[in-house]
Amino acid sequence: IGGRPIRIEIDGGVSAETAPLVTAAGADVLVAGAAIFKGGSVEAYRQNIQAIRTAADKAAG
């Protein structure tokens, strides 16, 4: 809009399963909550974040 870069953010319902869908639809900022905090340990949180990033990156190309 007016030559300015516009970011498209999705907040809510973001998981490793939905990240590719919203990324393919044009979202470039993903906010995940519950999908990250499953597992109850710092290592599980890291794995969940990485799974979301990997899924989104594959969809983005």
PDB file of N, CA and C in Angstrom:
ATOM      1  N   ILE A   1       0.860  -1.167   0.000  1.00  0.00           N
ATOM      2  CA  ILE A   1       0.000   0.000   0.000  1.00  0.00           C
ATOM      3  C   ILE A   1       0.901   1.223   0.000  1.00  0.00           C
ATOM      4  N   GLY A   2       0.779   2.033  -1.010  1.00  0.00           N
ATOM      5  CA  GLY A   2       1.599   3.232  -1.086  1.00  0.00           C
ATOM      6  C   GLY A   2       3.085   2.929  -1.133  1.00  0.00           C
ATOM      7  N   GLY A   3       3.468   1.773  -1.652  1.00  0.00           N
ATOM      8  CA  GLY A   3       4.880   1.439  -1.754  1.00  0.00           C
ATOM      9  C   GLY A   3       5.492   0.923  -0.463  1.00  0.00           C
ATOM     10  N   ARG A   4       4.687   0.797   0.602  1.00  0.00           N
ATOM     11  CA  ARG A   4       5.210   0.303   1.878  1.00  0.00           C
ATOM     12  C   ARG A   4       5.006  -1.208   1.967  1.00  0.00           C
ATOM     13  N   PRO A   5       5.980  -1.891   2.513  1.00  0.00           N
ATOM     14  CA  PRO A   5       5.800  -3.334   2.694  1.00  0.00           C
ATOM     15  C   PRO A   5       4.752  -3.592   3.775  1.00  0.00           C
ATOM     16  N   ILE A   6       3.830  -4.471   3.491  1.00  0.00           N
ATOM     17  CA  ILE A   6       2.780  -4.810   4.440  1.00  0.00           C
ATOM     18  C   ILE A   6       2.986  -6.249   4.892  1.00  0.00           C
ATOM     19  N   ARG A   7       3.049  -6.442   6.204  1.00  0.00           N
ATOM     20  CA  ARG A   7       3.186  -7.780   6.774  1.00  0.00           C
ATOM     21  C   ARG A   7       1.794  -8.347   7.036  1.00  0.00           C
ATOM     22  N   ILE A   8       1.622  -9.625   6.818  1.00  0.00           N
ATOM     23  CA  ILE A   8       0.360 -10.301   7.102  1.00  0.00           C
ATOM     24  C   ILE A   8       0.608 -11.260   8.260  1.00  0.00           C
ATOM     25  N   GLU A   9      -0.103 -11.014   9.366  1.00  0.00           N
ATOM     26  CA  GLU A   9       0.094 -11.787  10.588  1.00  0.00           C
ATOM     27  C   GLU A   9      -1.101 -12.688  10.861  1.00  0.00           C
ATOM     28  N   ILE A  10      -0.798 -13.896  11.293  1.00  0.00           N
ATOM     29  CA  ILE A  10      -1.816 -14.835  11.745  1.00  0.00           C
ATOM     30  C   ILE A  10      -1.544 -15.098  13.218  1.00  0.00           C
ATOM     31  N   ASP A  11      -2.550 -14.883  14.048  1.00  0.00           N
ATOM     32  CA  ASP A  11      -2.423 -15.080  15.492  1.00  0.00           C
ATOM     33  C   ASP A  11      -3.562 -15.980  15.949  1.00  0.00           C
ATOM     34  N   GLY A  12      -3.206 -17.187  16.316  1.00  0.00           N
ATOM     35  CA  GLY A  12      -4.216 -18.121  16.807  1.00  0.00           C
ATOM     36  C   GLY A  12      -4.361 -19.312  15.887  1.00  0.00           C
ATOM     37  N   GLY A  13      -4.334 -20.485  16.458  1.00  0.00           N
ATOM     38  CA  GLY A  13      -4.504 -21.699  15.676  1.00  0.00           C
ATOM     39  C   GLY A  13      -3.296 -22.083  14.848  1.00  0.00           C
ATOM     40  N   VAL A  14      -2.154 -21.460  15.116  1.00  0.00           N
ATOM     41  CA  VAL A  14      -0.949 -21.765  14.336  1.00  0.00           C
ATOM     42  C   VAL A  14      -0.261 -22.991  14.932  1.00  0.00           C
ATOM     43  N   SER A  15      -0.031 -23.974  14.095  1.00  0.00           N
ATOM     44  CA  SER A  15       0.651 -25.207  14.498  1.00  0.00           C
ATOM     45  C   SER A  15       1.489 -25.686  13.318  1.00  0.00           C
ATOM     46  N   ALA A  16       2.189 -26.787  13.506  1.00  0.00           N
ATOM     47  CA  ALA A  16       2.968 -27.352  12.394  1.00  0.00           C
ATOM     48  C   ALA A  16       2.047 -27.783  11.256  1.00  0.00           C
ATOM     49  N   GLU A  17       0.807 -28.105  11.577  1.00  0.00           N
ATOM     50  CA  GLU A  17      -0.151 -28.514  10.544  1.00  0.00           C
ATOM     51  C   GLU A  17      -0.739 -27.321   9.792  1.00  0.00           C
ATOM     52  N   THR A  18      -0.987 -26.216  10.485  1.00  0.00           N
ATOM     53  CA  THR A  18      -1.620 -25.058   9.839  1.00  0.00           C
ATOM     54  C   THR A  18      -0.616 -24.053   9.285  1.00  0.00           C
ATOM     55  N   ALA A  19       0.610 -24.063   9.783  1.00  0.00           N
ATOM     56  CA  ALA A  19       1.617 -23.099   9.322  1.00  0.00           C
ATOM     57  C   ALA A  19       1.825 -23.128   7.811  1.00  0.00           C
ATOM     58  N   PRO A  20       1.917 -24.297   7.177  1.00  0.00           N
ATOM     59  CA  PRO A  20       2.091 -24.297   5.719  1.00  0.00           C
ATOM     60  C   PRO A  20       0.898 -23.695   4.982  1.00  0.00           C
ATOM     61  N   LEU A  21      -0.290 -23.911   5.506  1.00  0.00           N
ATOM     62  CA  LEU A  21      -1.494 -23.388   4.853  1.00  0.00           C
ATOM     63  C   LEU A  21      -1.531 -21.869   4.881  1.00  0.00           C
ATOM     64  N   VAL A  22      -1.279 -21.285   6.059  1.00  0.00           N
ATOM     65  CA  VAL A  22      -1.357 -19.824   6.154  1.00  0.00           C
ATOM     66  C   VAL A  22      -0.170 -19.163   5.474  1.00  0.00           C
ATOM     67  N   THR A  23       0.990 -19.835   5.484  1.00  0.00           N
ATOM     68  CA  THR A  23       2.154 -19.299   4.778  1.00  0.00           C
ATOM     69  C   THR A  23       1.910 -19.301   3.275  1.00  0.00           C
ATOM     70  N   ALA A  24       1.365 -20.387   2.766  1.00  0.00           N
ATOM     71  CA  ALA A  24       1.061 -20.466   1.335  1.00  0.00           C
ATOM     72  C   ALA A  24       0.014 -19.434   0.935  1.00  0.00           C
ATOM     73  N   ALA A  25      -0.843 -19.051   1.873  1.00  0.00           N
ATOM     74  CA  ALA A  25      -1.878 -18.052   1.597  1.00  0.00           C
ATOM     75  C   ALA A  25      -1.353 -16.624   1.702  1.00  0.00           C
ATOM     76  N   GLY A  26      -0.079 -16.459   2.121  1.00  0.00           N
ATOM     77  CA  GLY A  26       0.527 -15.133   2.126  1.00  0.00           C
ATOM     78  C   GLY A  26       0.942 -14.590   3.475  1.00  0.00           C
ATOM     79  N   ALA A  27       0.642 -15.282   4.545  1.00  0.00           N
ATOM     80  CA  ALA A  27       1.055 -14.801   5.865  1.00  0.00           C
ATOM     81  C   ALA A  27       2.569 -14.882   5.989  1.00  0.00           C
ATOM     82  N   ASP A  28       3.161 -13.858   6.600  1.00  0.00           N
ATOM     83  CA  ASP A  28       4.607 -13.879   6.808  1.00  0.00           C
ATOM     84  C   ASP A  28       4.997 -13.649   8.266  1.00  0.00           C
ATOM     85  N   VAL A  29       4.014 -13.494   9.143  1.00  0.00           N
ATOM     86  CA  VAL A  29       4.238 -13.418  10.581  1.00  0.00           C
ATOM     87  C   VAL A  29       3.255 -14.395  11.220  1.00  0.00           C
ATOM     88  N   LEU A  30       3.788 -15.395  11.911  1.00  0.00           N
ATOM     89  CA  LEU A  30       2.940 -16.397  12.546  1.00  0.00           C
ATOM     90  C   LEU A  30       3.116 -16.310  14.056  1.00  0.00           C
ATOM     91  N   VAL A  31       2.005 -16.254  14.775  1.00  0.00           N
ATOM     92  CA  VAL A  31       2.029 -16.199  16.234  1.00  0.00           C
ATOM     93  C   VAL A  31       1.417 -17.491  16.759  1.00  0.00           C
ATOM     94  N   ALA A  32       2.222 -18.278  17.438  1.00  0.00           N
ATOM     95  CA  ALA A  32       1.752 -19.554  17.977  1.00  0.00           C
ATOM     96  C   ALA A  32       1.807 -19.503  19.497  1.00  0.00           C
ATOM     97  N   GLY A  33       0.840 -20.101  20.121  1.00  0.00           N
ATOM     98  CA  GLY A  33       0.804 -20.155  21.581  1.00  0.00           C
ATOM     99  C   GLY A  33       0.710 -21.592  22.051  1.00  0.00           C
ATOM    100  N   ALA A  34      -0.504 -22.114  22.084  1.00  0.00           N
ATOM    101  CA  ALA A  34      -0.747 -23.457  22.618  1.00  0.00           C
ATOM    102  C   ALA A  34       0.076 -24.523  21.911  1.00  0.00           C
ATOM    103  N   ALA A  35       0.278 -24.385  20.616  1.00  0.00           N
ATOM    104  CA  ALA A  35       1.040 -25.391  19.865  1.00  0.00           C
ATOM    105  C   ALA A  35       2.494 -25.459  20.321  1.00  0.00           C
ATOM    106  N   ILE A  36       3.009 -24.374  20.855  1.00  0.00           N
ATOM    107  CA  ILE A  36       4.392 -24.358  21.332  1.00  0.00           C
ATOM    108  C   ILE A  36       4.507 -25.015  22.697  1.00  0.00           C
ATOM    109  N   PHE A  37       3.551 -24.737  23.570  1.00  0.00           N
ATOM    110  CA  PHE A  37       3.688 -25.131  24.971  1.00  0.00           C
ATOM    111  C   PHE A  37       3.165 -26.526  25.300  1.00  0.00           C
ATOM    112  N   LYS A  38       2.981 -27.349  24.283  1.00  0.00           N
ATOM    113  CA  LYS A  38       2.654 -28.758  24.521  1.00  0.00           C
ATOM    114  C   LYS A  38       3.942 -29.495  24.863  1.00  0.00           C
ATOM    115  N   GLY A  39       3.872 -30.394  25.799  1.00  0.00           N
ATOM    116  CA  GLY A  39       5.047 -31.195  26.124  1.00  0.00           C
ATOM    117  C   GLY A  39       5.614 -30.907  27.495  1.00  0.00           C
ATOM    118  N   GLY A  40       5.472 -29.682  27.965  1.00  0.00           N
ATOM    119  CA  GLY A  40       5.838 -29.356  29.331  1.00  0.00           C
ATOM    120  C   GLY A  40       7.312 -29.239  29.659  1.00  0.00           C
ATOM    121  N   SER A  41       8.175 -29.208  28.662  1.00  0.00           N
ATOM    122  CA  SER A  41       9.600 -29.025  28.945  1.00  0.00           C
ATOM    123  C   SER A  41      10.198 -28.065  27.924  1.00  0.00           C
ATOM    124  N   VAL A  42      11.312 -27.485  28.299  1.00  0.00           N
ATOM    125  CA  VAL A  42      11.984 -26.551  27.399  1.00  0.00           C
ATOM    126  C   VAL A  42      12.356 -27.248  26.091  1.00  0.00           C
ATOM    127  N   GLU A  43      12.808 -28.474  26.168  1.00  0.00           N
ATOM    128  CA  GLU A  43      13.181 -29.205  24.950  1.00  0.00           C
ATOM    129  C   GLU A  43      11.966 -29.451  24.062  1.00  0.00           C
ATOM    130  N   ALA A  44      10.841 -29.786  24.653  1.00  0.00           N
ATOM    131  CA  ALA A  44       9.612 -29.972  23.867  1.00  0.00           C
ATOM    132  C   ALA A  44       9.211 -28.662  23.203  1.00  0.00           C
ATOM    133  N   TYR A  45       9.347 -27.551  23.924  1.00  0.00           N
ATOM    134  CA  TYR A  45       9.018 -26.239  23.351  1.00  0.00           C
ATOM    135  C   TYR A  45       9.905 -25.956  22.143  1.00  0.00           C
ATOM    136  N   ARG A  46      11.200 -26.239  22.285  1.00  0.00           N
ATOM    137  CA  ARG A  46      12.138 -26.025  21.168  1.00  0.00           C
ATOM    138  C   ARG A  46      11.745 -26.868  19.955  1.00  0.00           C
ATOM    139  N   GLN A  47      11.414 -28.115  20.199  1.00  0.00           N
ATOM    140  CA  GLN A  47      11.024 -29.004  19.103  1.00  0.00           C
ATOM    141  C   GLN A  47       9.742 -28.525  18.429  1.00  0.00           C
ATOM    142  N   ASN A  48       8.796 -28.054  19.216  1.00  0.00           N
ATOM    143  CA  ASN A  48       7.538 -27.555  18.659  1.00  0.00           C
ATOM    144  C   ASN A  48       7.770 -26.312  17.803  1.00  0.00           C
ATOM    145  N   ILE A  49       8.603 -25.403  18.293  1.00  0.00           N
ATOM    146  CA  ILE A  49       8.924 -24.194  17.526  1.00  0.00           C
ATOM    147  C   ILE A  49       9.610 -24.575  16.217  1.00  0.00           C
ATOM    148  N   GLN A  50      10.568 -25.495  16.294  1.00  0.00           N
ATOM    149  CA  GLN A  50      11.286 -25.911  15.086  1.00  0.00           C
ATOM    150  C   GLN A  50      10.352 -26.572  14.084  1.00  0.00           C
ATOM    151  N   ALA A  51       9.405 -27.367  14.557  1.00  0.00           N
ATOM    152  CA  ALA A  51       8.452 -28.025  13.654  1.00  0.00           C
ATOM    153  C   ALA A  51       7.600 -26.993  12.920  1.00  0.00           C
ATOM    154  N   ILE A  52       7.178 -25.954  13.630  1.00  0.00           N
ATOM    155  CA  ILE A  52       6.377 -24.892  12.999  1.00  0.00           C
ATOM    156  C   ILE A  52       7.222 -24.135  11.982  1.00  0.00           C
ATOM    157  N   ARG A  53       8.445 -23.788  12.368  1.00  0.00           N
ATOM    158  CA  ARG A  53       9.334 -23.064  11.437  1.00  0.00           C
ATOM    159  C   ARG A  53       9.607 -23.878  10.180  1.00  0.00           C
ATOM    160  N   THR A  54       9.921 -25.143  10.359  1.00  0.00           N
ATOM    161  CA  THR A  54      10.224 -26.008   9.216  1.00  0.00           C
ATOM    162  C   THR A  54       9.035 -26.114   8.277  1.00  0.00           C
ATOM    163  N   ALA A  55       7.858 -26.314   8.842  1.00  0.00           N
ATOM    164  CA  ALA A  55       6.649 -26.440   8.025  1.00  0.00           C
ATOM    165  C   ALA A  55       6.367 -25.149   7.261  1.00  0.00           C
ATOM    166  N   ALA A  56       6.519 -24.007   7.927  1.00  0.00           N
ATOM    167  CA  ALA A  56       6.274 -22.718   7.270  1.00  0.00           C
ATOM    168  C   ALA A  56       7.316 -22.457   6.187  1.00  0.00           C
ATOM    169  N   ASP A  57       8.577 -22.756   6.478  1.00  0.00           N
ATOM    170  CA  ASP A  57       9.645 -22.536   5.494  1.00  0.00           C
ATOM    171  C   ASP A  57       9.449 -23.377   4.236  1.00  0.00           C
ATOM    172  N   LYS A  58       9.026 -24.618   4.391  1.00  0.00           N
ATOM    173  CA  LYS A  58       8.778 -25.475   3.225  1.00  0.00           C
ATOM    174  C   LYS A  58       7.674 -24.896   2.349  1.00  0.00           C
ATOM    175  N   ALA A  59       6.644 -24.365   2.977  1.00  0.00           N
ATOM    176  CA  ALA A  59       5.524 -23.793   2.215  1.00  0.00           C
ATOM    177  C   ALA A  59       5.924 -22.492   1.534  1.00  0.00           C
ATOM    178  N   ALA A  60       6.821 -21.728   2.182  1.00  0.00           N
ATOM    179  CA  ALA A  60       7.240 -20.439   1.627  1.00  0.00           C
ATOM    180  C   ALA A  60       8.186 -20.620   0.446  1.00  0.00           C
ATOM    181  N   GLY A  61       8.849 -21.769   0.411  1.00  0.00           N
ATOM    182  CA  GLY A  61       9.756 -22.042  -0.705  1.00  0.00           C
ATOM    183  C   GLY A  61      11.083 -21.548  -0.445  1.00  0.00           C
TER     184      GLY A  61
END
